[in-house]
Amino acid sequence: MSKPIFGDLSAEMPDGTVLTAPNDLLLAWKIAEHSYGSTWATMRRTDQYIEVADALESLRAAYDEHEEN
C-alpha cells in the first residue's frame, strides 16, 4: 500500500470540474462525492467509505506510476 500524499493536489472530473485538496484522502472523498452527486447524501455511510477507498486506491496508484516515470 502506498503512503499518504500531501500537497496541493487536484483532479479534473469528466464534467470539467476541478477538485482540490491538501491530501489524497480528502481528494478521494471529494472525487467520490462529486461522482455520485445528490445521491451521495442518501447513500449508506459504509457504501460511501467503499467508494472513497476505491478512489483513494486509484489516486495512489496513479501517483506511484507518475513517480516511477
N, C-alpha and C. Protein backbone atom coordinates (compact mmCIF):
# COMPACT_ATOMS: atom_id res chain seq x y z
N MET A 1 0.84 -1.18 0.00
CA MET A 1 0.00 0.00 0.00
C MET A 1 0.88 1.24 0.00
N SER A 2 0.49 2.19 -0.76
CA SER A 2 1.23 3.44 -0.85
C SER A 2 1.03 4.28 0.41
N LYS A 3 1.96 5.18 0.59
CA LYS A 3 1.88 6.10 1.72
C LYS A 3 0.97 7.27 1.37
N PRO A 4 0.50 8.01 2.37
CA PRO A 4 -0.33 9.18 2.12
C PRO A 4 0.42 10.22 1.28
N ILE A 5 -0.34 10.98 0.52
CA ILE A 5 0.22 12.02 -0.34
C ILE A 5 -0.29 13.36 0.20
N PHE A 6 0.63 14.25 0.45
CA PHE A 6 0.30 15.59 0.94
C PHE A 6 0.79 16.63 -0.05
N GLY A 7 0.08 17.73 -0.15
CA GLY A 7 0.46 18.81 -1.05
C GLY A 7 -0.76 19.41 -1.70
N ASP A 8 -0.55 20.28 -2.64
CA ASP A 8 -1.65 20.89 -3.38
C ASP A 8 -2.07 19.93 -4.49
N LEU A 9 -3.05 19.08 -4.18
CA LEU A 9 -3.49 18.06 -5.11
C LEU A 9 -4.75 18.50 -5.83
N SER A 10 -4.93 18.01 -7.05
CA SER A 10 -6.14 18.34 -7.80
C SER A 10 -6.49 17.19 -8.73
N ALA A 11 -7.76 17.15 -9.10
CA ALA A 11 -8.25 16.15 -10.05
C ALA A 11 -9.31 16.82 -10.91
N GLU A 12 -9.20 16.63 -12.21
CA GLU A 12 -10.21 17.16 -13.10
C GLU A 12 -11.21 16.06 -13.41
N MET A 13 -12.47 16.34 -13.16
CA MET A 13 -13.54 15.38 -13.37
C MET A 13 -13.99 15.41 -14.83
N PRO A 14 -14.66 14.36 -15.30
CA PRO A 14 -15.11 14.31 -16.69
C PRO A 14 -15.98 15.51 -17.11
N ASP A 15 -16.69 16.10 -16.16
CA ASP A 15 -17.53 17.26 -16.50
C ASP A 15 -16.76 18.58 -16.50
N GLY A 16 -15.45 18.51 -16.27
CA GLY A 16 -14.61 19.70 -16.29
C GLY A 16 -14.38 20.32 -14.92
N THR A 17 -15.08 19.87 -13.91
CA THR A 17 -14.90 20.38 -12.56
C THR A 17 -13.51 19.99 -12.05
N VAL A 18 -12.82 20.94 -11.44
CA VAL A 18 -11.51 20.66 -10.86
C VAL A 18 -11.67 20.66 -9.34
N LEU A 19 -11.33 19.52 -8.75
CA LEU A 19 -11.40 19.38 -7.30
C LEU A 19 -9.99 19.51 -6.74
N THR A 20 -9.86 20.16 -5.59
CA THR A 20 -8.55 20.34 -4.97
C THR A 20 -8.63 19.93 -3.49
N ALA A 21 -7.48 19.53 -2.96
CA ALA A 21 -7.40 19.15 -1.55
C ALA A 21 -5.94 19.14 -1.12
N PRO A 22 -5.69 19.24 0.20
CA PRO A 22 -4.32 19.23 0.71
C PRO A 22 -3.75 17.83 0.92
N ASN A 23 -4.59 16.79 0.74
CA ASN A 23 -4.10 15.42 0.89
C ASN A 23 -4.95 14.47 0.06
N ASP A 24 -4.42 13.27 -0.15
CA ASP A 24 -5.08 12.32 -1.03
C ASP A 24 -6.40 11.78 -0.47
N LEU A 25 -6.51 11.65 0.83
CA LEU A 25 -7.75 11.14 1.41
C LEU A 25 -8.90 12.12 1.19
N LEU A 26 -8.65 13.38 1.43
CA LEU A 26 -9.69 14.38 1.22
C LEU A 26 -10.04 14.49 -0.26
N LEU A 27 -9.05 14.41 -1.13
CA LEU A 27 -9.32 14.46 -2.56
C LEU A 27 -10.14 13.24 -2.99
N ALA A 28 -9.81 12.08 -2.48
CA ALA A 28 -10.58 10.88 -2.81
C ALA A 28 -12.03 11.03 -2.35
N TRP A 29 -12.23 11.60 -1.18
CA TRP A 29 -13.59 11.82 -0.68
C TRP A 29 -14.34 12.76 -1.62
N LYS A 30 -13.69 13.85 -2.03
CA LYS A 30 -14.34 14.81 -2.92
C LYS A 30 -14.66 14.18 -4.28
N ILE A 31 -13.77 13.35 -4.79
CA ILE A 31 -14.00 12.67 -6.07
C ILE A 31 -15.21 11.76 -5.97
N ALA A 32 -15.25 10.95 -4.92
CA ALA A 32 -16.38 10.03 -4.75
C ALA A 32 -17.69 10.79 -4.59
N GLU A 33 -17.67 11.81 -3.76
CA GLU A 33 -18.87 12.62 -3.53
C GLU A 33 -19.34 13.28 -4.82
N HIS A 34 -18.41 13.84 -5.56
CA HIS A 34 -18.76 14.50 -6.82
C HIS A 34 -19.33 13.50 -7.83
N SER A 35 -18.76 12.32 -7.87
CA SER A 35 -19.18 11.30 -8.82
C SER A 35 -20.63 10.87 -8.61
N TYR A 36 -21.07 10.89 -7.37
CA TYR A 36 -22.44 10.45 -7.06
C TYR A 36 -23.44 11.59 -6.99
N GLY A 37 -22.97 12.83 -6.99
CA GLY A 37 -23.87 13.97 -6.98
C GLY A 37 -24.83 13.95 -5.80
N SER A 38 -26.09 14.23 -6.07
CA SER A 38 -27.08 14.32 -5.00
C SER A 38 -27.37 12.97 -4.35
N THR A 39 -27.04 11.89 -5.02
CA THR A 39 -27.25 10.55 -4.46
C THR A 39 -26.34 10.31 -3.26
N TRP A 40 -25.21 10.98 -3.23
CA TRP A 40 -24.21 10.77 -2.18
C TRP A 40 -24.82 10.91 -0.78
N ALA A 41 -25.62 11.91 -0.59
CA ALA A 41 -26.19 12.19 0.73
C ALA A 41 -27.14 11.09 1.19
N THR A 42 -27.69 10.33 0.28
CA THR A 42 -28.64 9.27 0.65
C THR A 42 -27.99 7.89 0.75
N MET A 43 -26.71 7.81 0.40
CA MET A 43 -26.01 6.53 0.46
C MET A 43 -25.69 6.15 1.90
N ARG A 44 -25.65 4.84 2.16
CA ARG A 44 -25.21 4.37 3.47
C ARG A 44 -23.75 4.77 3.66
N ARG A 45 -23.38 5.09 4.87
CA ARG A 45 -22.01 5.52 5.16
C ARG A 45 -21.01 4.43 4.75
N THR A 46 -21.37 3.18 4.94
CA THR A 46 -20.49 2.08 4.55
C THR A 46 -20.21 2.11 3.06
N ASP A 47 -21.23 2.36 2.25
CA ASP A 47 -21.05 2.43 0.81
C ASP A 47 -20.20 3.64 0.42
N GLN A 48 -20.37 4.74 1.13
CA GLN A 48 -19.53 5.91 0.89
C GLN A 48 -18.07 5.57 1.16
N TYR A 49 -17.81 4.89 2.26
CA TYR A 49 -16.44 4.52 2.60
C TYR A 49 -15.82 3.62 1.53
N ILE A 50 -16.60 2.70 1.01
CA ILE A 50 -16.11 1.82 -0.05
C ILE A 50 -15.74 2.64 -1.29
N GLU A 51 -16.58 3.58 -1.66
CA GLU A 51 -16.29 4.42 -2.84
C GLU A 51 -15.06 5.29 -2.61
N VAL A 52 -14.91 5.83 -1.41
CA VAL A 52 -13.74 6.65 -1.09
C VAL A 52 -12.48 5.79 -1.13
N ALA A 53 -12.56 4.59 -0.59
CA ALA A 53 -11.40 3.69 -0.60
C ALA A 53 -10.98 3.35 -2.03
N ASP A 54 -11.96 3.12 -2.90
CA ASP A 54 -11.65 2.84 -4.31
C ASP A 54 -10.99 4.04 -4.97
N ALA A 55 -11.51 5.23 -4.71
CA ALA A 55 -10.93 6.44 -5.29
C ALA A 55 -9.52 6.67 -4.75
N LEU A 56 -9.33 6.43 -3.47
CA LEU A 56 -8.01 6.60 -2.85
C LEU A 56 -7.00 5.63 -3.46
N GLU A 57 -7.41 4.39 -3.65
CA GLU A 57 -6.53 3.40 -4.27
C GLU A 57 -6.13 3.83 -5.68
N SER A 58 -7.08 4.35 -6.44
CA SER A 58 -6.78 4.82 -7.80
C SER A 58 -5.83 6.01 -7.79
N LEU A 59 -6.07 6.94 -6.89
CA LEU A 59 -5.19 8.11 -6.79
C LEU A 59 -3.76 7.71 -6.46
N ARG A 60 -3.61 6.83 -5.49
CA ARG A 60 -2.26 6.42 -5.07
C ARG A 60 -1.56 5.61 -6.16
N ALA A 61 -2.30 4.79 -6.88
CA ALA A 61 -1.71 4.02 -7.98
C ALA A 61 -1.24 4.97 -9.08
N ALA A 62 -2.05 5.96 -9.41
CA ALA A 62 -1.66 6.93 -10.44
C ALA A 62 -0.45 7.73 -9.99
N TYR A 63 -0.41 8.12 -8.73
CA TYR A 63 0.73 8.86 -8.20
C TYR A 63 2.00 8.01 -8.25
N ASP A 64 1.90 6.76 -7.82
CA ASP A 64 3.05 5.86 -7.84
C ASP A 64 3.58 5.67 -9.26
N GLU A 65 2.66 5.51 -10.21
CA GLU A 65 3.05 5.34 -11.62
C GLU A 65 3.76 6.59 -12.13
N HIS A 66 3.24 7.74 -11.76
CA HIS A 66 3.84 9.02 -12.18
C HIS A 66 5.24 9.17 -11.58
N GLU A 67 5.41 8.79 -10.33
CA GLU A 67 6.70 8.91 -9.65
C GLU A 67 7.74 7.97 -10.26
N GLU A 68 7.30 6.82 -10.74
CA GLU A 68 8.23 5.85 -11.35
C GLU A 68 8.75 6.35 -12.69
N ASN A 69 7.99 7.16 -13.37
CA ASN A 69 8.40 7.66 -14.70
C ASN A 69 9.09 8.96 -14.59
